[in-house]
């Protein structure tokens, strides 16, 4: 976060939840929605494609199935 000091880790969702008296799942959802607003749709689509290709490459290697590797 923008108030985080370089030599100190940020708070976990659980720690934030305890401080603001919310359940951890709600804090996680708020954080995820906030992070989504930081990136354009193009960036999200690039990330989705990167993850898809990485998953296929890993599957091809782990399963010894070169036919699964993306082109």
PDB file of N, CA and C in Angstrom:
ATOM      1  N   UNK A   1       0.831  -1.191   0.000  1.00  0.00           N
ATOM      2  CA  UNK A   1       0.000   0.000   0.000  1.00  0.00           C
ATOM      3  C   UNK A   1       0.866   1.240   0.000  1.00  0.00           C
ATOM      4  N   UNK A   2       0.275   2.376  -0.261  1.00  0.00           N
ATOM      5  CA  UNK A   2       1.051   3.607  -0.420  1.00  0.00           C
ATOM      6  C   UNK A   2       1.644   4.120   0.885  1.00  0.00           C
ATOM      7  N   UNK A   3       1.163   3.634   2.013  1.00  0.00           N
ATOM      8  CA  UNK A   3       1.697   4.073   3.302  1.00  0.00           C
ATOM      9  C   UNK A   3       2.725   3.093   3.862  1.00  0.00           C
ATOM     10  N   UNK A   4       2.967   2.021   3.152  1.00  0.00           N
ATOM     11  CA  UNK A   4       3.881   0.983   3.607  1.00  0.00           C
ATOM     12  C   UNK A   4       5.322   1.461   3.509  1.00  0.00           C
ATOM     13  N   UNK A   5       6.098   1.188   4.558  1.00  0.00           N
ATOM     14  CA  UNK A   5       7.509   1.550   4.545  1.00  0.00           C
ATOM     15  C   UNK A   5       8.296   0.436   3.866  1.00  0.00           C
ATOM     16  N   UNK A   6       9.388   0.796   3.230  1.00  0.00           N
ATOM     17  CA  UNK A   6      10.181  -0.162   2.464  1.00  0.00           C
ATOM     18  C   UNK A   6      10.677  -1.314   3.326  1.00  0.00           C
ATOM     19  N   UNK A   7      11.091  -1.022   4.548  1.00  0.00           N
ATOM     20  CA  UNK A   7      11.673  -2.065   5.395  1.00  0.00           C
ATOM     21  C   UNK A   7      10.641  -2.807   6.234  1.00  0.00           C
ATOM     22  N   UNK A   8       9.354  -2.569   5.998  1.00  0.00           N
ATOM     23  CA  UNK A   8       8.312  -3.243   6.763  1.00  0.00           C
ATOM     24  C   UNK A   8       7.301  -3.880   5.815  1.00  0.00           C
ATOM     25  N   UNK A   9       6.949  -5.133   6.071  1.00  0.00           N
ATOM     26  CA  UNK A   9       5.946  -5.763   5.216  1.00  0.00           C
ATOM     27  C   UNK A   9       4.574  -5.139   5.453  1.00  0.00           C
ATOM     28  N   UNK A  10       3.703  -5.248   4.471  1.00  0.00           N
ATOM     29  CA  UNK A  10       2.336  -4.757   4.631  1.00  0.00           C
ATOM     30  C   UNK A  10       1.548  -5.672   5.553  1.00  0.00           C
ATOM     31  N   UNK A  11       0.387  -5.229   5.937  1.00  0.00           N
ATOM     32  CA  UNK A  11      -0.473  -6.034   6.798  1.00  0.00           C
ATOM     33  C   UNK A  11      -1.160  -7.120   5.977  1.00  0.00           C
ATOM     34  N   UNK A  12      -1.379  -8.248   6.600  1.00  0.00           N
ATOM     35  CA  UNK A  12      -2.139  -9.312   5.943  1.00  0.00           C
ATOM     36  C   UNK A  12      -3.624  -8.950   5.990  1.00  0.00           C
ATOM     37  N   UNK A  13      -4.416  -9.628   5.186  1.00  0.00           N
ATOM     38  CA  UNK A  13      -5.859  -9.392   5.216  1.00  0.00           C
ATOM     39  C   UNK A  13      -6.421  -9.690   6.606  1.00  0.00           C
ATOM     40  N   UNK A  14      -5.878 -10.706   7.253  1.00  0.00           N
ATOM     41  CA  UNK A  14      -6.342 -11.060   8.603  1.00  0.00           C
ATOM     42  C   UNK A  14      -6.048  -9.931   9.588  1.00  0.00           C
ATOM     43  N   UNK A  15      -4.843  -9.363   9.513  1.00  0.00           N
ATOM     44  CA  UNK A  15      -4.481  -8.268  10.412  1.00  0.00           C
ATOM     45  C   UNK A  15      -5.362  -7.041  10.169  1.00  0.00           C
ATOM     46  N   UNK A  16      -5.620  -6.739   8.912  1.00  0.00           N
ATOM     47  CA  UNK A  16      -6.486  -5.600   8.589  1.00  0.00           C
ATOM     48  C   UNK A  16      -7.891  -5.850   9.131  1.00  0.00           C
ATOM     49  N   UNK A  17      -8.391  -7.055   8.923  1.00  0.00           N
ATOM     50  CA  UNK A  17      -9.736  -7.405   9.391  1.00  0.00           C
ATOM     51  C   UNK A  17      -9.863  -7.205  10.897  1.00  0.00           C
ATOM     52  N   UNK A  18      -8.850  -7.623  11.635  1.00  0.00           N
ATOM     53  CA  UNK A  18      -8.878  -7.449  13.090  1.00  0.00           C
ATOM     54  C   UNK A  18      -8.899  -5.971  13.466  1.00  0.00           C
ATOM     55  N   UNK A  19      -8.133  -5.162  12.756  1.00  0.00           N
ATOM     56  CA  UNK A  19      -8.059  -3.725  13.071  1.00  0.00           C
ATOM     57  C   UNK A  19      -9.350  -2.982  12.759  1.00  0.00           C
ATOM     58  N   UNK A  20     -10.007  -3.357  11.676  1.00  0.00           N
ATOM     59  CA  UNK A  20     -11.222  -2.630  11.272  1.00  0.00           C
ATOM     60  C   UNK A  20     -12.506  -3.375  11.644  1.00  0.00           C
ATOM     61  N   UNK A  21     -12.341  -4.482  12.340  1.00  0.00           N
ATOM     62  CA  UNK A  21     -13.470  -5.276  12.834  1.00  0.00           C
ATOM     63  C   UNK A  21     -14.392  -5.770  11.718  1.00  0.00           C
ATOM     64  N   UNK A  22     -13.769  -6.335  10.697  1.00  0.00           N
ATOM     65  CA  UNK A  22     -14.494  -7.007   9.623  1.00  0.00           C
ATOM     66  C   UNK A  22     -13.980  -8.434   9.546  1.00  0.00           C
ATOM     67  N   UNK A  23     -14.728  -9.303   8.868  1.00  0.00           N
ATOM     68  CA  UNK A  23     -14.204 -10.654   8.686  1.00  0.00           C
ATOM     69  C   UNK A  23     -13.153 -10.629   7.572  1.00  0.00           C
ATOM     70  N   UNK A  24     -12.252 -11.588   7.631  1.00  0.00           N
ATOM     71  CA  UNK A  24     -11.116 -11.627   6.702  1.00  0.00           C
ATOM     72  C   UNK A  24     -11.566 -11.721   5.245  1.00  0.00           C
ATOM     73  N   UNK A  25     -12.602 -12.482   4.975  1.00  0.00           N
ATOM     74  CA  UNK A  25     -13.081 -12.642   3.594  1.00  0.00           C
ATOM     75  C   UNK A  25     -13.540 -11.304   3.013  1.00  0.00           C
ATOM     76  N   UNK A  26     -14.212 -10.493   3.805  1.00  0.00           N
ATOM     77  CA  UNK A  26     -14.667  -9.179   3.338  1.00  0.00           C
ATOM     78  C   UNK A  26     -13.480  -8.291   2.999  1.00  0.00           C
ATOM     79  N   UNK A  27     -12.467  -8.309   3.852  1.00  0.00           N
ATOM     80  CA  UNK A  27     -11.263  -7.505   3.600  1.00  0.00           C
ATOM     81  C   UNK A  27     -10.581  -7.968   2.317  1.00  0.00           C
ATOM     82  N   UNK A  28     -10.483  -9.264   2.122  1.00  0.00           N
ATOM     83  CA  UNK A  28      -9.866  -9.803   0.906  1.00  0.00           C
ATOM     84  C   UNK A  28     -10.647  -9.360  -0.327  1.00  0.00           C
ATOM     85  N   UNK A  29     -11.964  -9.416  -0.249  1.00  0.00           N
ATOM     86  CA  UNK A  29     -12.789  -9.000  -1.386  1.00  0.00           C
ATOM     87  C   UNK A  29     -12.586  -7.513  -1.692  1.00  0.00           C
ATOM     88  N   UNK A  30     -12.545  -6.686  -0.662  1.00  0.00           N
ATOM     89  CA  UNK A  30     -12.323  -5.247  -0.858  1.00  0.00           C
ATOM     90  C   UNK A  30     -10.969  -5.009  -1.519  1.00  0.00           C
ATOM     91  N   UNK A  31      -9.935  -5.703  -1.050  1.00  0.00           N
ATOM     92  CA  UNK A  31      -8.596  -5.538  -1.622  1.00  0.00           C
ATOM     93  C   UNK A  31      -8.572  -5.956  -3.089  1.00  0.00           C
ATOM     94  N   UNK A  32      -9.203  -7.072  -3.394  1.00  0.00           N
ATOM     95  CA  UNK A  32      -9.200  -7.564  -4.778  1.00  0.00           C
ATOM     96  C   UNK A  32      -9.940  -6.611  -5.710  1.00  0.00           C
ATOM     97  N   UNK A  33     -11.065  -6.082  -5.273  1.00  0.00           N
ATOM     98  CA  UNK A  33     -11.808  -5.124  -6.094  1.00  0.00           C
ATOM     99  C   UNK A  33     -10.964  -3.877  -6.311  1.00  0.00           C
ATOM    100  N   UNK A  34     -10.298  -3.423  -5.265  1.00  0.00           N
ATOM    101  CA  UNK A  34      -9.441  -2.242  -5.379  1.00  0.00           C
ATOM    102  C   UNK A  34      -8.304  -2.482  -6.367  1.00  0.00           C
ATOM    103  N   UNK A  35      -7.680  -3.649  -6.295  1.00  0.00           N
ATOM    104  CA  UNK A  35      -6.573  -3.954  -7.202  1.00  0.00           C
ATOM    105  C   UNK A  35      -7.052  -4.020  -8.646  1.00  0.00           C
ATOM    106  N   UNK A  36      -8.259  -4.505  -8.855  1.00  0.00           N
ATOM    107  CA  UNK A  36      -8.800  -4.586 -10.212  1.00  0.00           C
ATOM    108  C   UNK A  36      -8.938  -3.213 -10.850  1.00  0.00           C
ATOM    109  N   UNK A  37      -9.275  -2.229 -10.057  1.00  0.00           N
ATOM    110  CA  UNK A  37      -9.461  -0.875 -10.587  1.00  0.00           C
ATOM    111  C   UNK A  37      -8.153  -0.217 -11.003  1.00  0.00           C
ATOM    112  N   UNK A  38      -7.033  -0.794 -10.626  1.00  0.00           N
ATOM    113  CA  UNK A  38      -5.724  -0.197 -10.935  1.00  0.00           C
ATOM    114  C   UNK A  38      -5.241  -0.532 -12.341  1.00  0.00           C
ATOM    115  N   UNK A  39      -5.836  -1.519 -12.979  1.00  0.00           N
ATOM    116  CA  UNK A  39      -5.351  -1.975 -14.273  1.00  0.00           C
ATOM    117  C   UNK A  39      -6.423  -1.822 -15.347  1.00  0.00           C
ATOM    118  N   UNK A  40      -5.978  -1.550 -16.557  1.00  0.00           N
ATOM    119  CA  UNK A  40      -6.912  -1.443 -17.682  1.00  0.00           C
ATOM    120  C   UNK A  40      -7.350  -2.840 -18.122  1.00  0.00           C
ATOM    121  N   UNK A  41      -8.398  -2.886 -18.911  1.00  0.00           N
ATOM    122  CA  UNK A  41      -8.885  -4.161 -19.433  1.00  0.00           C
ATOM    123  C   UNK A  41      -7.809  -4.853 -20.263  1.00  0.00           C
ATOM    124  N   UNK A  42      -7.050  -4.081 -21.026  1.00  0.00           N
ATOM    125  CA  UNK A  42      -5.965  -4.665 -21.825  1.00  0.00           C
ATOM    126  C   UNK A  42      -4.961  -5.396 -20.944  1.00  0.00           C
ATOM    127  N   UNK A  43      -4.612  -4.799 -19.815  1.00  0.00           N
ATOM    128  CA  UNK A  43      -3.659  -5.440 -18.907  1.00  0.00           C
ATOM    129  C   UNK A  43      -4.234  -6.726 -18.333  1.00  0.00           C
ATOM    130  N   UNK A  44      -5.526  -6.716 -17.988  1.00  0.00           N
ATOM    131  CA  UNK A  44      -6.156  -7.930 -17.472  1.00  0.00           C
ATOM    132  C   UNK A  44      -6.169  -9.023 -18.531  1.00  0.00           C
ATOM    133  N   UNK A  45      -6.472  -8.650 -19.776  1.00  0.00           N
ATOM    134  CA  UNK A  45      -6.484  -9.644 -20.847  1.00  0.00           C
ATOM    135  C   UNK A  45      -5.093 -10.208 -21.089  1.00  0.00           C
ATOM    136  N   UNK A  46      -4.062  -9.370 -21.035  1.00  0.00           N
ATOM    137  CA  UNK A  46      -2.680  -9.853 -21.181  1.00  0.00           C
ATOM    138  C   UNK A  46      -2.336 -10.822 -20.053  1.00  0.00           C
ATOM    139  N   UNK A  47      -2.752 -10.490 -18.837  1.00  0.00           N
ATOM    140  CA  UNK A  47      -2.469 -11.356 -17.688  1.00  0.00           C
ATOM    141  C   UNK A  47      -3.176 -12.699 -17.826  1.00  0.00           C
ATOM    142  N   UNK A  48      -4.420 -12.667 -18.276  1.00  0.00           N
ATOM    143  CA  UNK A  48      -5.174 -13.910 -18.467  1.00  0.00           C
ATOM    144  C   UNK A  48      -4.493 -14.784 -19.512  1.00  0.00           C
ATOM    145  N   UNK A  49      -4.070 -14.183 -20.616  1.00  0.00           N
ATOM    146  CA  UNK A  49      -3.389 -14.939 -21.672  1.00  0.00           C
ATOM    147  C   UNK A  49      -2.057 -15.494 -21.174  1.00  0.00           C
ATOM    148  N   UNK A  50      -1.313 -14.698 -20.423  1.00  0.00           N
ATOM    149  CA  UNK A  50      -0.043 -15.160 -19.862  1.00  0.00           C
ATOM    150  C   UNK A  50      -0.273 -16.370 -18.960  1.00  0.00           C
ATOM    151  N   UNK A  51      -1.264 -16.295 -18.087  1.00  0.00           N
ATOM    152  CA  UNK A  51      -1.550 -17.400 -17.167  1.00  0.00           C
ATOM    153  C   UNK A  51      -1.995 -18.642 -17.929  1.00  0.00           C
ATOM    154  N   UNK A  52      -2.805 -18.446 -18.977  1.00  0.00           N
ATOM    155  CA  UNK A  52      -3.266 -19.584 -19.779  1.00  0.00           C
ATOM    156  C   UNK A  52      -2.085 -20.292 -20.433  1.00  0.00           C
ATOM    157  N   UNK A  53      -1.194 -19.503 -21.044  1.00  0.00           N
ATOM    158  CA  UNK A  53      -0.028 -20.080 -21.717  1.00  0.00           C
ATOM    159  C   UNK A  53       0.908 -20.757 -20.707  1.00  0.00           C
ATOM    160  N   UNK A  54       1.124 -20.129 -19.569  1.00  0.00           N
ATOM    161  CA  UNK A  54       1.996 -20.704 -18.543  1.00  0.00           C
ATOM    162  C   UNK A  54       1.432 -22.028 -18.040  1.00  0.00           C
ATOM    163  N   UNK A  55       0.120 -22.088 -17.868  1.00  0.00           N
ATOM    164  CA  UNK A  55      -0.521 -23.319 -17.415  1.00  0.00           C
ATOM    165  C   UNK A  55      -0.364 -24.422 -18.454  1.00  0.00           C
ATOM    166  N   UNK A  56      -0.565 -24.078 -19.721  1.00  0.00           N
ATOM    167  CA  UNK A  56      -0.407 -25.074 -20.783  1.00  0.00           C
ATOM    168  C   UNK A  56       1.037 -25.553 -20.884  1.00  0.00           C
ATOM    169  N   UNK A  57       1.982 -24.635 -20.768  1.00  0.00           N
ATOM    170  CA  UNK A  57       3.394 -25.022 -20.826  1.00  0.00           C
ATOM    171  C   UNK A  57       3.752 -25.941 -19.664  1.00  0.00           C
ATOM    172  N   UNK A  58       3.271 -25.602 -18.473  1.00  0.00           N
ATOM    173  CA  UNK A  58       3.546 -26.440 -17.308  1.00  0.00           C
ATOM    174  C   UNK A  58       2.920 -27.821 -17.501  1.00  0.00           C
ATOM    175  N   UNK A  59       1.676 -27.851 -17.978  1.00  0.00           N
ATOM    176  CA  UNK A  59       0.999 -29.134 -18.203  1.00  0.00           C
ATOM    177  C   UNK A  59       1.760 -29.983 -19.209  1.00  0.00           C
ATOM    178  N   UNK A  60       2.213 -29.371 -20.294  1.00  0.00           N
ATOM    179  CA  UNK A  60       2.956 -30.103 -21.321  1.00  0.00           C
ATOM    180  C   UNK A  60       4.226 -30.706 -20.737  1.00  0.00           C
ATOM    181  N   UNK A  61       4.913 -29.939 -19.904  1.00  0.00           N
ATOM    182  CA  UNK A  61       6.156 -30.416 -19.301  1.00  0.00           C
ATOM    183  C   UNK A  61       5.885 -31.487 -18.246  1.00  0.00           C
ATOM    184  N   UNK A  62       4.962 -31.204 -17.333  1.00  0.00           N
ATOM    185  CA  UNK A  62       4.685 -32.116 -16.221  1.00  0.00           C
ATOM    186  C   UNK A  62       4.087 -33.432 -16.694  1.00  0.00           C
ATOM    187  N   UNK A  63       3.244 -33.375 -17.700  1.00  0.00           N
ATOM    188  CA  UNK A  63       2.576 -34.581 -18.189  1.00  0.00           C
ATOM    189  C   UNK A  63       3.313 -35.233 -19.352  1.00  0.00           C
ATOM    190  N   UNK A  64       4.434 -34.619 -19.739  1.00  0.00           N
ATOM    191  CA  UNK A  64       5.215 -35.107 -20.877  1.00  0.00           C
ATOM    192  C   UNK A  64       4.327 -35.235 -22.109  1.00  0.00           C
ATOM    193  N   UNK A  65       3.560 -34.151 -22.338  1.00  0.00           N
ATOM    194  CA  UNK A  65       2.641 -34.097 -23.476  1.00  0.00           C
ATOM    195  C   UNK A  65       2.952 -32.848 -24.287  1.00  0.00           C
ATOM    196  N   UNK A  66       3.930 -32.908 -25.187  1.00  0.00           N
ATOM    197  CA  UNK A  66       4.285 -31.728 -25.974  1.00  0.00           C
ATOM    198  C   UNK A  66       3.128 -31.181 -26.800  1.00  0.00           C
ATOM    199  N   UNK A  67       2.133 -32.022 -27.069  1.00  0.00           N
ATOM    200  CA  UNK A  67       0.979 -31.553 -27.842  1.00  0.00           C
ATOM    201  C   UNK A  67       0.146 -30.519 -27.085  1.00  0.00           C
ATOM    202  N   UNK A  68       0.328 -30.427 -25.778  1.00  0.00           N
ATOM    203  CA  UNK A  68      -0.409 -29.447 -24.984  1.00  0.00           C
ATOM    204  C   UNK A  68       0.247 -28.072 -25.001  1.00  0.00           C
ATOM    205  N   UNK A  69       1.524 -28.027 -25.392  1.00  0.00           N
ATOM    206  CA  UNK A  69       2.256 -26.764 -25.361  1.00  0.00           C
ATOM    207  C   UNK A  69       1.660 -25.779 -26.359  1.00  0.00           C
ATOM    208  N   UNK A  70       1.422 -24.520 -25.921  1.00  0.00           N
ATOM    209  CA  UNK A  70       0.841 -23.530 -26.834  1.00  0.00           C
ATOM    210  C   UNK A  70       1.807 -23.183 -27.955  1.00  0.00           C
ATOM    211  N   UNK A  71       1.240 -22.767 -29.065  1.00  0.00           N
ATOM    212  CA  UNK A  71       2.069 -22.418 -30.232  1.00  0.00           C
ATOM    213  C   UNK A  71       2.696 -21.064 -30.069  1.00  0.00           C
TER     214      UNK A  71
END
